[in-house]
């Protein structure tokens, strides 16, 4: 899905001295407002606040998939809510790092990036923000995953190696281009 999103999502660039620059609160707000203007539905439900010290309610939100390298930049954004500040620890998604405004942020070390992709040669991180039904996985009729194992045969020199492998069918599709945005950013120094 990462490669599909990387190749087809609309790009929102953050423009200042480098192109793009690090994430800011206004960048995240602008992306959320753009998705709302495009009639995208939020993916997650709100998490109601509880009477616990140091917690905050979480709005219903879009999801942002990013690389783990941007974690420090997220912590610097005012009003960013870390996952450990959610009212209930069971409310977060396993890979979720936190939330800002109407965006809940999921981080993975496999998040998309482009080495030397900025105008000053910095690594650019693709932060995909999406609404409900932005993309889908298409079921493949009659196709299922298969693990293949062929043991060595000692009938001759051509058949003495072991073969292992797998095959599966997968098709991903962007259903609504206006409901997925790519907020490209670099890291803060």
Protein backbone atom coordinates (compact mmCIF):
# COMPACT_ATOMS: atom_id res chain seq x y z
CA UNK A 1 0.00 0.00 0.00
CA UNK A 2 2.92 2.33 0.74
CA UNK A 3 4.12 2.23 -2.88
CA UNK A 4 0.62 2.65 -4.27
CA UNK A 5 0.05 5.72 -2.09
CA UNK A 6 3.49 7.11 -2.91
CA UNK A 7 2.84 6.99 -6.63
CA UNK A 8 -0.69 8.34 -6.76
CA UNK A 9 -1.47 10.64 -3.83
CA UNK A 10 -1.81 14.38 -4.34
CA UNK A 11 1.27 16.21 -3.01
CA UNK A 12 0.99 19.13 -0.60
CA UNK A 13 4.39 20.79 -0.29
CA UNK A 14 5.58 22.85 2.65
CA UNK A 15 7.53 25.76 1.12
CA UNK A 16 10.06 27.94 2.97
CA UNK A 17 13.86 27.90 2.79
CA UNK A 18 14.13 24.24 1.79
CA UNK A 19 11.49 22.56 -0.28
CA UNK A 20 9.84 20.88 1.58
CA UNK A 21 10.55 21.81 5.22
CA UNK A 22 9.75 20.17 8.56
CA UNK A 23 6.16 19.59 9.69
CA UNK A 24 4.39 22.41 11.50
CA UNK A 25 1.03 22.75 13.22
CA UNK A 26 -0.31 24.86 10.36
CA UNK A 27 0.69 22.19 7.81
CA UNK A 28 -1.30 19.54 9.66
CA UNK A 29 -4.26 21.89 10.13
CA UNK A 30 -4.25 22.81 6.42
CA UNK A 31 -4.28 19.14 5.39
CA UNK A 32 -7.18 18.36 7.76
CA UNK A 33 -9.13 21.36 6.43
CA UNK A 34 -8.39 20.34 2.82
CA UNK A 35 -9.73 16.83 3.47
CA UNK A 36 -12.85 18.30 5.09
CA UNK A 37 -13.28 20.64 2.09
CA UNK A 38 -12.99 17.55 -0.17
CA UNK A 39 -15.88 15.92 1.76
CA UNK A 40 -13.68 13.16 3.19
CA UNK A 41 -15.06 11.34 6.21
CA UNK A 42 -12.88 10.77 9.25
CA UNK A 43 -11.73 7.20 9.86
CA UNK A 44 -11.55 6.96 13.65
CA UNK A 45 -14.19 7.78 16.23
CA UNK A 46 -13.56 10.35 18.95
CA UNK A 47 -12.21 9.18 22.31
CA UNK A 48 -14.17 10.82 25.09
CA UNK A 49 -12.25 12.48 27.88
CA UNK A 50 -12.08 10.97 31.34
CA UNK A 51 -11.39 12.45 34.74
CA UNK A 52 -7.72 11.41 34.75
CA UNK A 53 -4.66 13.59 35.29
CA UNK A 54 -2.68 14.48 32.15
CA UNK A 55 -5.13 13.09 29.61
CA UNK A 56 -7.10 14.78 26.84
CA UNK A 57 -10.06 13.83 24.66
CA UNK A 58 -9.23 12.88 21.07
CA UNK A 59 -11.33 14.11 18.14
CA UNK A 60 -12.62 11.84 15.42
CA UNK A 61 -9.79 11.91 12.95
CA UNK A 62 -8.18 11.16 9.64
CA UNK A 63 -5.15 8.85 9.67
CA UNK A 64 -1.60 9.86 8.74
CA UNK A 65 0.96 7.16 7.89
CA UNK A 66 4.54 8.32 8.41
CA UNK A 67 8.10 7.24 9.03
CA UNK A 68 9.36 6.84 12.61
CA UNK A 69 12.08 9.42 11.87
CA UNK A 70 9.56 12.28 12.21
CA UNK A 71 8.69 11.41 15.83
CA UNK A 72 10.91 14.15 17.33
CA UNK A 73 9.39 16.77 15.03
CA UNK A 74 5.89 15.72 16.10
CA UNK A 75 6.79 16.20 19.77
CA UNK A 76 7.78 19.82 19.02
CA UNK A 77 4.35 20.71 17.61
CA UNK A 78 2.30 22.69 20.16
CA UNK A 79 -0.86 20.86 21.28
CA UNK A 80 0.38 17.50 19.93
CA UNK A 81 -1.15 14.77 22.10
CA UNK A 82 1.05 11.73 22.65
CA UNK A 83 -0.66 8.33 22.69
CA UNK A 84 0.17 7.92 26.39
CA UNK A 85 -2.02 11.00 27.09
CA UNK A 86 -5.14 9.38 25.61
CA UNK A 87 -7.93 8.83 28.17
CA UNK A 88 -7.72 5.05 27.69
CA UNK A 89 -4.63 3.09 26.67
CA UNK A 90 -6.88 0.60 24.85
CA UNK A 91 -8.19 3.37 22.57
CA UNK A 92 -5.08 3.77 20.43
CA UNK A 93 -4.05 1.77 17.40
CA UNK A 94 -0.92 -0.32 17.99
CA UNK A 95 1.36 1.71 15.69
CA UNK A 96 -0.22 5.02 16.69
CA UNK A 97 2.16 7.68 18.01
CA UNK A 98 -0.26 10.47 18.83
CA UNK A 99 -2.76 12.97 17.51
CA UNK A 100 -2.96 16.57 16.42
CA UNK A 101 -6.20 18.36 15.59
CA UNK A 102 -8.24 15.91 13.46
CA UNK A 103 -5.28 13.71 12.53
CA UNK A 104 -4.13 10.56 14.32
CA UNK A 105 -0.57 9.64 13.39
CA UNK A 106 0.70 6.11 12.72
CA UNK A 107 4.47 5.56 12.52
CA UNK A 108 6.47 2.75 10.96
CA UNK A 109 10.16 2.32 10.17
CA UNK A 110 8.93 1.28 6.70
CA UNK A 111 7.28 4.67 6.13
CA UNK A 112 7.94 6.15 2.71
CA UNK A 113 10.92 8.46 2.21
CA UNK A 114 13.03 9.85 -0.62
CA UNK A 115 16.75 10.18 0.12
CA UNK A 116 18.14 13.57 -1.00
CA UNK A 117 14.68 14.55 -2.22
CA UNK A 118 14.62 18.18 -1.04
CA UNK A 119 16.12 21.16 -2.82
CA UNK A 120 18.96 21.17 -0.25
CA UNK A 121 19.53 17.42 -0.48
CA UNK A 122 17.75 16.37 2.74
CA UNK A 123 15.68 13.20 3.03
CA UNK A 124 12.01 13.86 2.32
CA UNK A 125 9.37 11.93 4.28
CA UNK A 126 6.00 11.24 2.66
CA UNK A 127 3.26 11.66 5.26
CA UNK A 128 0.07 10.23 3.78
CA UNK A 129 -3.08 11.67 5.36
CA UNK A 130 -6.27 9.90 4.35
CA UNK A 131 -9.99 9.90 4.90
CA UNK A 132 -12.50 7.06 4.82
CA UNK A 133 -12.64 5.13 1.52
CA UNK A 134 -9.53 6.79 0.11
CA UNK A 135 -8.17 3.41 -0.95
CA UNK A 136 -9.16 -0.24 -0.86
CA UNK A 137 -7.81 -3.73 -1.26
CA UNK A 138 -9.56 -5.59 -4.03
CA UNK A 139 -10.40 -9.22 -3.31
CA UNK A 140 -9.03 -11.67 -5.87
CA UNK A 141 -11.61 -14.38 -6.62
CA UNK A 142 -10.17 -17.87 -6.60
CA UNK A 143 -6.74 -16.69 -5.51
CA UNK A 144 -5.27 -17.51 -2.15
CA UNK A 145 -1.87 -17.40 -0.56
CA UNK A 146 0.27 -20.46 -1.11
CA UNK A 147 3.53 -21.50 0.52
CA UNK A 148 5.64 -23.70 -1.76
CA UNK A 149 8.24 -26.14 -0.47
CA UNK A 150 10.02 -28.66 -2.66
CA UNK A 151 12.53 -30.87 -0.87
CA UNK A 152 15.79 -31.97 -2.41
CA UNK A 153 15.66 -35.08 -4.58
CA UNK A 154 18.67 -37.24 -5.07
CA UNK A 155 17.90 -38.35 -8.58
CA UNK A 156 20.65 -36.29 -10.14
CA UNK A 157 22.69 -33.06 -9.93
CA UNK A 158 19.82 -30.88 -11.23
CA UNK A 159 17.36 -31.84 -8.51
CA UNK A 160 19.45 -31.73 -5.35
CA UNK A 161 18.49 -28.22 -4.19
CA UNK A 162 15.60 -27.24 -1.93
CA UNK A 163 13.05 -24.71 -3.20
CA UNK A 164 10.90 -22.52 -0.97
CA UNK A 165 8.68 -19.62 -1.90
CA UNK A 166 5.21 -18.16 -1.72
CA UNK A 167 2.70 -16.62 -4.05
CA UNK A 168 -0.35 -14.50 -3.47
CA UNK A 169 -2.60 -12.12 -5.34
CA UNK A 170 -3.03 -8.54 -4.20
CA UNK A 171 -4.53 -5.48 -5.79
CA UNK A 172 -4.79 -2.08 -4.15
CA UNK A 173 -6.68 0.84 -5.59
CA UNK A 174 -7.12 4.52 -4.81
CA UNK A 175 -10.89 4.98 -4.74
CA UNK A 176 -11.02 8.75 -4.22
CA UNK A 177 -7.95 10.87 -5.06
CA UNK A 178 -9.30 13.84 -3.11
CA UNK A 179 -9.39 11.84 0.13
CA UNK A 180 -5.66 11.06 0.34
CA UNK A 181 -2.95 13.71 0.54
CA UNK A 182 0.83 13.48 0.70
CA UNK A 183 2.28 16.03 3.10
CA UNK A 184 6.00 15.93 2.27
CA UNK A 185 8.43 17.08 4.93
CA UNK A 186 12.04 17.03 6.04
CA UNK A 187 13.40 16.77 9.56
CA UNK A 188 14.10 19.71 11.83
CA UNK A 189 17.82 20.17 12.56
